[in-house]
Amino acid sequence: MSVRIRFFARFRELLGNEIVIENGDGLFLYDLIWSAASKNKDGYAAIFDEQGQFHEYVILMQNGKRVDAGRASSVRVSDGDEVAVFPPVAGG
């Protein structure tokens, strides 16, 4: 059982393109991302504030659907899920 976390833009530079968490089934989305980001001090600081909450600009997606960061501690992940973590994006 595994869950894939993909990081984009600045987050990818700090944490790598993707991390596969084995035995991630049943974890909460917050815990999954916290576990992956905590392996790199700068990566953690880019995603989480001093209180351990997501910065307001962090965009989370689970299997292609946006998840409000405020709900991440109550959203479970399942085997085979793909989680994406984005910094703010701008276009033109």
PDB file of N, CA and C in Angstrom:
ATOM      1  N   MET A   1       0.842  -1.177   0.000  1.00  0.00           N
ATOM      2  CA  MET A   1       0.000   0.000   0.000  1.00  0.00           C
ATOM      3  C   MET A   1       0.888   1.242   0.000  1.00  0.00           C
ATOM      4  N   SER A   2       0.599   2.157  -0.904  1.00  0.00           N
ATOM      5  CA  SER A   2       1.416   3.361  -0.966  1.00  0.00           C
ATOM      6  C   SER A   2       0.594   4.563  -1.409  1.00  0.00           C
ATOM      7  N   VAL A   3       1.076   5.710  -0.995  1.00  0.00           N
ATOM      8  CA  VAL A   3       0.485   6.989  -1.370  1.00  0.00           C
ATOM      9  C   VAL A   3       1.608   7.840  -1.945  1.00  0.00           C
ATOM     10  N   ARG A   4       1.347   8.516  -3.054  1.00  0.00           N
ATOM     11  CA  ARG A   4       2.350   9.338  -3.727  1.00  0.00           C
ATOM     12  C   ARG A   4       2.074  10.811  -3.436  1.00  0.00           C
ATOM     13  N   ILE A   5       3.119  11.528  -3.031  1.00  0.00           N
ATOM     14  CA  ILE A   5       3.021  12.973  -2.827  1.00  0.00           C
ATOM     15  C   ILE A   5       3.889  13.627  -3.880  1.00  0.00           C
ATOM     16  N   ARG A   6       3.309  14.533  -4.643  1.00  0.00           N
ATOM     17  CA  ARG A   6       4.060  15.275  -5.657  1.00  0.00           C
ATOM     18  C   ARG A   6       4.123  16.735  -5.233  1.00  0.00           C
ATOM     19  N   PHE A   7       5.327  17.279  -5.321  1.00  0.00           N
ATOM     20  CA  PHE A   7       5.553  18.682  -4.983  1.00  0.00           C
ATOM     21  C   PHE A   7       5.847  19.452  -6.255  1.00  0.00           C
ATOM     22  N   PHE A   8       5.424  20.708  -6.295  1.00  0.00           N
ATOM     23  CA  PHE A   8       5.576  21.525  -7.496  1.00  0.00           C
ATOM     24  C   PHE A   8       6.294  22.831  -7.186  1.00  0.00           C
ATOM     25  N   ALA A   9       6.953  23.365  -8.233  1.00  0.00           N
ATOM     26  CA  ALA A   9       7.642  24.661  -8.211  1.00  0.00           C
ATOM     27  C   ALA A   9       8.644  24.722  -7.055  1.00  0.00           C
ATOM     28  N   ARG A  10       8.562  25.725  -6.233  1.00  0.00           N
ATOM     29  CA  ARG A  10       9.521  25.923  -5.128  1.00  0.00           C
ATOM     30  C   ARG A  10       9.542  24.721  -4.184  1.00  0.00           C
ATOM     31  N   PHE A  11       8.385  24.130  -3.921  1.00  0.00           N
ATOM     32  CA  PHE A  11       8.335  22.974  -3.031  1.00  0.00           C
ATOM     33  C   PHE A  11       9.129  21.805  -3.616  1.00  0.00           C
ATOM     34  N   ARG A  12       9.072  21.637  -4.917  1.00  0.00           N
ATOM     35  CA  ARG A  12       9.816  20.564  -5.581  1.00  0.00           C
ATOM     36  C   ARG A  12      11.321  20.789  -5.430  1.00  0.00           C
ATOM     37  N   GLU A  13      11.751  22.045  -5.533  1.00  0.00           N
ATOM     38  CA  GLU A  13      13.176  22.354  -5.371  1.00  0.00           C
ATOM     39  C   GLU A  13      13.672  21.962  -3.983  1.00  0.00           C
ATOM     40  N   LEU A  14      12.824  22.109  -2.987  1.00  0.00           N
ATOM     41  CA  LEU A  14      13.217  21.835  -1.605  1.00  0.00           C
ATOM     42  C   LEU A  14      13.035  20.374  -1.198  1.00  0.00           C
ATOM     43  N   LEU A  15      11.986  19.728  -1.708  1.00  0.00           N
ATOM     44  CA  LEU A  15      11.614  18.398  -1.228  1.00  0.00           C
ATOM     45  C   LEU A  15      11.709  17.294  -2.266  1.00  0.00           C
ATOM     46  N   GLY A  16      11.960  17.663  -3.516  1.00  0.00           N
ATOM     47  CA  GLY A  16      12.006  16.658  -4.569  1.00  0.00           C
ATOM     48  C   GLY A  16      10.687  16.583  -5.308  1.00  0.00           C
ATOM     49  N   ASN A  17      10.708  15.936  -6.456  1.00  0.00           N
ATOM     50  CA  ASN A  17       9.529  15.859  -7.305  1.00  0.00           C
ATOM     51  C   ASN A  17       8.397  15.056  -6.669  1.00  0.00           C
ATOM     52  N   GLU A  18       8.746  13.891  -6.132  1.00  0.00           N
ATOM     53  CA  GLU A  18       7.714  13.093  -5.497  1.00  0.00           C
ATOM     54  C   GLU A  18       8.301  12.198  -4.423  1.00  0.00           C
ATOM     55  N   ILE A  19       7.460  11.896  -3.465  1.00  0.00           N
ATOM     56  CA  ILE A  19       7.805  10.994  -2.377  1.00  0.00           C
ATOM     57  C   ILE A  19       6.703   9.952  -2.318  1.00  0.00           C
ATOM     58  N   VAL A  20       7.084   8.712  -2.218  1.00  0.00           N
ATOM     59  CA  VAL A  20       6.103   7.637  -2.065  1.00  0.00           C
ATOM     60  C   VAL A  20       6.169   7.178  -0.616  1.00  0.00           C
ATOM     61  N   ILE A  21       5.018   7.218   0.037  1.00  0.00           N
ATOM     62  CA  ILE A  21       4.920   6.791   1.428  1.00  0.00           C
ATOM     63  C   ILE A  21       4.290   5.403   1.435  1.00  0.00           C
ATOM     64  N   GLU A  22       5.066   4.422   1.875  1.00  0.00           N
ATOM     65  CA  GLU A  22       4.537   3.072   2.013  1.00  0.00           C
ATOM     66  C   GLU A  22       3.722   3.014   3.302  1.00  0.00           C
ATOM     67  N   ASN A  23       2.690   2.231   3.307  1.00  0.00           N
ATOM     68  CA  ASN A  23       1.806   2.108   4.462  1.00  0.00           C
ATOM     69  C   ASN A  23       1.156   3.438   4.815  1.00  0.00           C
ATOM     70  N   GLY A  24       0.886   4.255   3.795  1.00  0.00           N
ATOM     71  CA  GLY A  24       0.236   5.540   4.010  1.00  0.00           C
ATOM     72  C   GLY A  24      -1.277   5.437   4.077  1.00  0.00           C
ATOM     73  N   ASP A  25      -1.822   4.282   3.716  1.00  0.00           N
ATOM     74  CA  ASP A  25      -3.263   4.086   3.702  1.00  0.00           C
ATOM     75  C   ASP A  25      -3.851   4.354   5.087  1.00  0.00           C
ATOM     76  N   GLY A  26      -4.871   5.200   5.159  1.00  0.00           N
ATOM     77  CA  GLY A  26      -5.539   5.490   6.414  1.00  0.00           C
ATOM     78  C   GLY A  26      -4.995   6.694   7.150  1.00  0.00           C
ATOM     79  N   LEU A  27      -3.841   7.213   6.738  1.00  0.00           N
ATOM     80  CA  LEU A  27      -3.318   8.415   7.372  1.00  0.00           C
ATOM     81  C   LEU A  27      -4.173   9.618   6.976  1.00  0.00           C
ATOM     82  N   PHE A  28      -4.095  10.654   7.773  1.00  0.00           N
ATOM     83  CA  PHE A  28      -4.748  11.898   7.400  1.00  0.00           C
ATOM     84  C   PHE A  28      -3.826  12.663   6.458  1.00  0.00           C
ATOM     85  N   LEU A  29      -4.411  13.441   5.577  1.00  0.00           N
ATOM     86  CA  LEU A  29      -3.657  14.208   4.590  1.00  0.00           C
ATOM     87  C   LEU A  29      -2.611  15.103   5.262  1.00  0.00           C
ATOM     88  N   TYR A  30      -3.001  15.780   6.321  1.00  0.00           N
ATOM     89  CA  TYR A  30      -2.065  16.647   7.052  1.00  0.00           C
ATOM     90  C   TYR A  30      -0.841  15.846   7.511  1.00  0.00           C
ATOM     91  N   ASP A  31      -1.074  14.701   8.152  1.00  0.00           N
ATOM     92  CA  ASP A  31       0.017  13.897   8.693  1.00  0.00           C
ATOM     93  C   ASP A  31       0.954  13.403   7.596  1.00  0.00           C
ATOM     94  N   LEU A  32       0.385  13.044   6.472  1.00  0.00           N
ATOM     95  CA  LEU A  32       1.171  12.563   5.345  1.00  0.00           C
ATOM     96  C   LEU A  32       2.132  13.645   4.840  1.00  0.00           C
ATOM     97  N   ILE A  33       1.598  14.838   4.629  1.00  0.00           N
ATOM     98  CA  ILE A  33       2.424  15.938   4.124  1.00  0.00           C
ATOM     99  C   ILE A  33       3.413  16.392   5.189  1.00  0.00           C
ATOM    100  N   TRP A  34       2.978  16.440   6.433  1.00  0.00           N
ATOM    101  CA  TRP A  34       3.870  16.819   7.530  1.00  0.00           C
ATOM    102  C   TRP A  34       5.053  15.870   7.588  1.00  0.00           C
ATOM    103  N   SER A  35       4.801  14.582   7.496  1.00  0.00           N
ATOM    104  CA  SER A  35       5.855  13.577   7.546  1.00  0.00           C
ATOM    105  C   SER A  35       6.869  13.767   6.417  1.00  0.00           C
ATOM    106  N   ALA A  36       6.385  14.011   5.217  1.00  0.00           N
ATOM    107  CA  ALA A  36       7.272  14.195   4.066  1.00  0.00           C
ATOM    108  C   ALA A  36       8.056  15.500   4.177  1.00  0.00           C
ATOM    109  N   ALA A  37       7.395  16.585   4.570  1.00  0.00           N
ATOM    110  CA  ALA A  37       8.046  17.902   4.626  1.00  0.00           C
ATOM    111  C   ALA A  37       9.013  18.025   5.794  1.00  0.00           C
ATOM    112  N   SER A  38       8.784  17.306   6.858  1.00  0.00           N
ATOM    113  CA  SER A  38       9.626  17.456   8.049  1.00  0.00           C
ATOM    114  C   SER A  38      11.041  16.909   7.846  1.00  0.00           C
ATOM    115  N   LYS A  39      11.279  16.252   6.744  1.00  0.00           N
ATOM    116  CA  LYS A  39      12.612  15.721   6.451  1.00  0.00           C
ATOM    117  C   LYS A  39      13.566  16.804   5.941  1.00  0.00           C
ATOM    118  N   ASN A  40      13.033  17.997   5.663  1.00  0.00           N
ATOM    119  CA  ASN A  40      13.851  19.091   5.161  1.00  0.00           C
ATOM    120  C   ASN A  40      13.389  20.382   5.832  1.00  0.00           C
ATOM    121  N   LYS A  41      14.267  20.997   6.607  1.00  0.00           N
ATOM    122  CA  LYS A  41      13.916  22.196   7.380  1.00  0.00           C
ATOM    123  C   LYS A  41      13.339  23.307   6.508  1.00  0.00           C
ATOM    124  N   ASP A  42      13.982  23.594   5.376  1.00  0.00           N
ATOM    125  CA  ASP A  42      13.511  24.664   4.502  1.00  0.00           C
ATOM    126  C   ASP A  42      12.201  24.283   3.814  1.00  0.00           C
ATOM    127  N   GLY A  43      12.072  23.023   3.447  1.00  0.00           N
ATOM    128  CA  GLY A  43      10.828  22.554   2.841  1.00  0.00           C
ATOM    129  C   GLY A  43       9.664  22.649   3.815  1.00  0.00           C
ATOM    130  N   TYR A  44       9.908  22.264   5.045  1.00  0.00           N
ATOM    131  CA  TYR A  44       8.884  22.360   6.084  1.00  0.00           C
ATOM    132  C   TYR A  44       8.460  23.818   6.277  1.00  0.00           C
ATOM    133  N   ALA A  45       9.442  24.717   6.392  1.00  0.00           N
ATOM    134  CA  ALA A  45       9.147  26.132   6.614  1.00  0.00           C
ATOM    135  C   ALA A  45       8.408  26.756   5.436  1.00  0.00           C
ATOM    136  N   ALA A  46       8.615  26.236   4.237  1.00  0.00           N
ATOM    137  CA  ALA A  46       7.910  26.770   3.068  1.00  0.00           C
ATOM    138  C   ALA A  46       6.433  26.375   3.063  1.00  0.00           C
ATOM    139  N   ILE A  47       6.116  25.241   3.663  1.00  0.00           N
ATOM    140  CA  ILE A  47       4.747  24.729   3.637  1.00  0.00           C
ATOM    141  C   ILE A  47       3.984  25.032   4.925  1.00  0.00           C
ATOM    142  N   PHE A  48       4.671  24.962   6.065  1.00  0.00           N
ATOM    143  CA  PHE A  48       4.016  25.129   7.365  1.00  0.00           C
ATOM    144  C   PHE A  48       4.515  26.375   8.083  1.00  0.00           C
ATOM    145  N   ASP A  49       3.622  26.985   8.875  1.00  0.00           N
ATOM    146  CA  ASP A  49       4.015  28.151   9.673  1.00  0.00           C
ATOM    147  C   ASP A  49       4.589  27.691  11.018  1.00  0.00           C
ATOM    148  N   GLU A  50       4.885  28.634  11.906  1.00  0.00           N
ATOM    149  CA  GLU A  50       5.495  28.328  13.196  1.00  0.00           C
ATOM    150  C   GLU A  50       4.588  27.486  14.094  1.00  0.00           C
ATOM    151  N   GLN A  51       3.282  27.548  13.879  1.00  0.00           N
ATOM    152  CA  GLN A  51       2.341  26.767  14.670  1.00  0.00           C
ATOM    153  C   GLN A  51       2.068  25.390  14.059  1.00  0.00           C
ATOM    154  N   GLY A  52       2.725  25.090  12.957  1.00  0.00           N
ATOM    155  CA  GLY A  52       2.538  23.793  12.315  1.00  0.00           C
ATOM    156  C   GLY A  52       1.311  23.723  11.418  1.00  0.00           C
ATOM    157  N   GLN A  53       0.753  24.873  11.078  1.00  0.00           N
ATOM    158  CA  GLN A  53      -0.391  24.927  10.175  1.00  0.00           C
ATOM    159  C   GLN A  53       0.099  25.254   8.768  1.00  0.00           C
ATOM    160  N   PHE A  54      -0.670  24.836   7.767  1.00  0.00           N
ATOM    161  CA  PHE A  54      -0.305  25.177   6.401  1.00  0.00           C
ATOM    162  C   PHE A  54      -0.312  26.693   6.226  1.00  0.00           C
ATOM    163  N   HIS A  55       0.676  27.210   5.508  1.00  0.00           N
ATOM    164  CA  HIS A  55       0.615  28.617   5.127  1.00  0.00           C
ATOM    165  C   HIS A  55      -0.644  28.805   4.287  1.00  0.00           C
ATOM    166  N   GLU A  56      -1.234  29.981   4.356  1.00  0.00           N
ATOM    167  CA  GLU A  56      -2.503  30.227   3.659  1.00  0.00           C
ATOM    168  C   GLU A  56      -2.397  30.088   2.149  1.00  0.00           C
ATOM    169  N   TYR A  57      -1.202  30.183   1.612  1.00  0.00           N
ATOM    170  CA  TYR A  57      -1.037  30.103   0.162  1.00  0.00           C
ATOM    171  C   TYR A  57      -0.855  28.684  -0.366  1.00  0.00           C
ATOM    172  N   VAL A  58      -0.726  27.697   0.506  1.00  0.00           N
ATOM    173  CA  VAL A  58      -0.492  26.319   0.061  1.00  0.00           C
ATOM    174  C   VAL A  58      -1.765  25.743  -0.558  1.00  0.00           C
ATOM    175  N   ILE A  59      -1.610  25.136  -1.722  1.00  0.00           N
ATOM    176  CA  ILE A  59      -2.723  24.512  -2.442  1.00  0.00           C
ATOM    177  C   ILE A  59      -2.533  22.998  -2.381  1.00  0.00           C
ATOM    178  N   LEU A  60      -3.576  22.306  -1.918  1.00  0.00           N
ATOM    179  CA  LEU A  60      -3.530  20.846  -1.808  1.00  0.00           C
ATOM    180  C   LEU A  60      -4.539  20.219  -2.752  1.00  0.00           C
ATOM    181  N   MET A  61      -4.142  19.107  -3.345  1.00  0.00           N
ATOM    182  CA  MET A  61      -5.059  18.347  -4.191  1.00  0.00           C
ATOM    183  C   MET A  61      -4.888  16.868  -3.855  1.00  0.00           C
ATOM    184  N   GLN A  62      -5.997  16.162  -3.886  1.00  0.00           N
ATOM    185  CA  GLN A  62      -5.992  14.717  -3.671  1.00  0.00           C
ATOM    186  C   GLN A  62      -6.709  14.082  -4.847  1.00  0.00           C
ATOM    187  N   ASN A  63      -5.989  13.288  -5.605  1.00  0.00           N
ATOM    188  CA  ASN A  63      -6.545  12.628  -6.787  1.00  0.00           C
ATOM    189  C   ASN A  63      -7.208  13.625  -7.741  1.00  0.00           C
ATOM    190  N   GLY A  64      -6.550  14.770  -7.932  1.00  0.00           N
ATOM    191  CA  GLY A  64      -7.016  15.768  -8.886  1.00  0.00           C
ATOM    192  C   GLY A  64      -8.110  16.693  -8.385  1.00  0.00           C
ATOM    193  N   LYS A  65      -8.507  16.556  -7.119  1.00  0.00           N
ATOM    194  CA  LYS A  65      -9.546  17.421  -6.557  1.00  0.00           C
ATOM    195  C   LYS A  65      -8.943  18.257  -5.439  1.00  0.00           C
ATOM    196  N   ARG A  66      -9.289  19.539  -5.459  1.00  0.00           N
ATOM    197  CA  ARG A  66      -8.757  20.463  -4.460  1.00  0.00           C
ATOM    198  C   ARG A  66      -9.304  20.134  -3.074  1.00  0.00           C
ATOM    199  N   VAL A  67      -8.418  20.218  -2.086  1.00  0.00           N
ATOM    200  CA  VAL A  67      -8.781  19.989  -0.689  1.00  0.00           C
ATOM    201  C   VAL A  67      -8.414  21.244   0.084  1.00  0.00           C
ATOM    202  N   ASP A  68      -9.348  21.783   0.833  1.00  0.00           N
ATOM    203  CA  ASP A  68      -9.076  22.941   1.664  1.00  0.00           C
ATOM    204  C   ASP A  68      -8.052  22.550   2.729  1.00  0.00           C
ATOM    205  N   ALA A  69      -6.981  23.320   2.842  1.00  0.00           N
ATOM    206  CA  ALA A  69      -5.912  23.008   3.790  1.00  0.00           C
ATOM    207  C   ALA A  69      -6.426  22.938   5.225  1.00  0.00           C
ATOM    208  N   GLY A  70      -7.459  23.687   5.538  1.00  0.00           N
ATOM    209  CA  GLY A  70      -8.039  23.657   6.882  1.00  0.00           C
ATOM    210  C   GLY A  70      -8.709  22.334   7.212  1.00  0.00           C
ATOM    211  N   ARG A  71      -9.033  21.549   6.198  1.00  0.00           N
ATOM    212  CA  ARG A  71      -9.667  20.245   6.399  1.00  0.00           C
ATOM    213  C   ARG A  71      -8.678  19.083   6.318  1.00  0.00           C
ATOM    214  N   ALA A  72      -7.421  19.374   6.041  1.00  0.00           N
ATOM    215  CA  ALA A  72      -6.431  18.319   5.786  1.00  0.00           C
ATOM    216  C   ALA A  72      -6.245  17.366   6.961  1.00  0.00           C
ATOM    217  N   SER A  73      -6.505  17.839   8.173  1.00  0.00           N
ATOM    218  CA  SER A  73      -6.334  16.961   9.333  1.00  0.00           C
ATOM    219  C   SER A  73      -7.518  16.018   9.526  1.00  0.00           C
ATOM    220  N   SER A  74      -8.559  16.160   8.704  1.00  0.00           N
ATOM    221  CA  SER A  74      -9.702  15.249   8.813  1.00  0.00           C
ATOM    222  C   SER A  74      -9.963  14.464   7.527  1.00  0.00           C
ATOM    223  N   VAL A  75      -9.100  14.633   6.530  1.00  0.00           N
ATOM    224  CA  VAL A  75      -9.244  13.929   5.252  1.00  0.00           C
ATOM    225  C   VAL A  75      -8.263  12.760   5.228  1.00  0.00           C
ATOM    226  N   ARG A  76      -8.796  11.560   5.105  1.00  0.00           N
ATOM    227  CA  ARG A  76      -7.941  10.368   5.061  1.00  0.00           C
ATOM    228  C   ARG A  76      -7.463  10.106   3.638  1.00  0.00           C
ATOM    229  N   VAL A  77      -6.289   9.502   3.535  1.00  0.00           N
ATOM    230  CA  VAL A  77      -5.784   9.069   2.239  1.00  0.00           C
ATOM    231  C   VAL A  77      -5.912   7.559   2.150  1.00  0.00           C
ATOM    232  N   SER A  78      -6.000   7.069   0.929  1.00  0.00           N
ATOM    233  CA  SER A  78      -6.168   5.637   0.686  1.00  0.00           C
ATOM    234  C   SER A  78      -5.053   5.126  -0.204  1.00  0.00           C
ATOM    235  N   ASP A  79      -4.881   3.833  -0.201  1.00  0.00           N
ATOM    236  CA  ASP A  79      -3.876   3.198  -1.042  1.00  0.00           C
ATOM    237  C   ASP A  79      -4.040   3.651  -2.483  1.00  0.00           C
ATOM    238  N   GLY A  80      -2.949   4.064  -3.089  1.00  0.00           N
ATOM    239  CA  GLY A  80      -2.964   4.490  -4.483  1.00  0.00           C
ATOM    240  C   GLY A  80      -3.287   5.951  -4.702  1.00  0.00           C
ATOM    241  N   ASP A  81      -3.617   6.679  -3.642  1.00  0.00           N
ATOM    242  CA  ASP A  81      -3.915   8.107  -3.796  1.00  0.00           C
ATOM    243  C   ASP A  81      -2.680   8.865  -4.266  1.00  0.00           C
ATOM    244  N   GLU A  82      -2.946   9.949  -4.987  1.00  0.00           N
ATOM    245  CA  GLU A  82      -1.892  10.880  -5.374  1.00  0.00           C
ATOM    246  C   GLU A  82      -2.241  12.240  -4.800  1.00  0.00           C
ATOM    247  N   VAL A  83      -1.325  12.764  -4.018  1.00  0.00           N
ATOM    248  CA  VAL A  83      -1.498  14.059  -3.369  1.00  0.00           C
ATOM    249  C   VAL A  83      -0.551  15.041  -4.050  1.00  0.00           C
ATOM    250  N   ALA A  84      -1.037  16.228  -4.359  1.00  0.00           N
ATOM    251  CA  ALA A  84      -0.217  17.270  -4.972  1.00  0.00           C
ATOM    252  C   ALA A  84      -0.192  18.476  -4.042  1.00  0.00           C
ATOM    253  N   VAL A  85       1.003  19.076  -3.913  1.00  0.00           N
ATOM    254  CA  VAL A  85       1.182  20.238  -3.046  1.00  0.00           C
ATOM    255  C   VAL A  85       1.800  21.346  -3.893  1.00  0.00           C
ATOM    256  N   PHE A  86       1.067  22.456  -4.012  1.00  0.00           N
ATOM    257  CA  PHE A  86       1.476  23.576  -4.866  1.00  0.00           C
ATOM    258  C   PHE A  86       1.686  24.840  -4.045  1.00  0.00           C
ATOM    259  N   PRO A  87       2.666  25.643  -4.416  1.00  0.00           N
ATOM    260  CA  PRO A  87       2.741  27.007  -3.899  1.00  0.00           C
ATOM    261  C   PRO A  87       1.763  27.860  -4.701  1.00  0.00           C
ATOM    262  N   PRO A  88       1.628  29.127  -4.368  1.00  0.00           N
ATOM    263  CA  PRO A  88       0.729  29.966  -5.174  1.00  0.00           C
ATOM    264  C   PRO A  88       1.209  29.998  -6.625  1.00  0.00           C
ATOM    265  N   VAL A  89       0.258  30.029  -7.518  1.00  0.00           N
ATOM    266  CA  VAL A  89       0.596  30.073  -8.944  1.00  0.00           C
ATOM    267  C   VAL A  89       0.036  31.341  -9.559  1.00  0.00           C
ATOM    268  N   ALA A  90       0.767  31.864 -10.487  1.00  0.00           N
ATOM    269  CA  ALA A  90       0.319  33.050 -11.220  1.00  0.00           C
ATOM    270  C   ALA A  90       0.504  32.768 -12.704  1.00  0.00           C
ATOM    271  N   GLY A  91      -0.286  33.369 -13.469  1.00  0.00           N
ATOM    272  CA  GLY A  91      -0.172  33.134 -14.911  1.00  0.00           C
ATOM    273  C   GLY A  91      -0.434  34.406 -15.679  1.00  0.00           C
ATOM    274  N   GLY A  92      -0.291  34.268 -16.913  1.00  0.00           N
ATOM    275  CA  GLY A  92      -0.540  35.453 -17.714  1.00  0.00           C
ATOM    276  C   GLY A  92      -0.623  35.112 -19.170  1.00  0.00           C
TER     277      GLY A  92
END
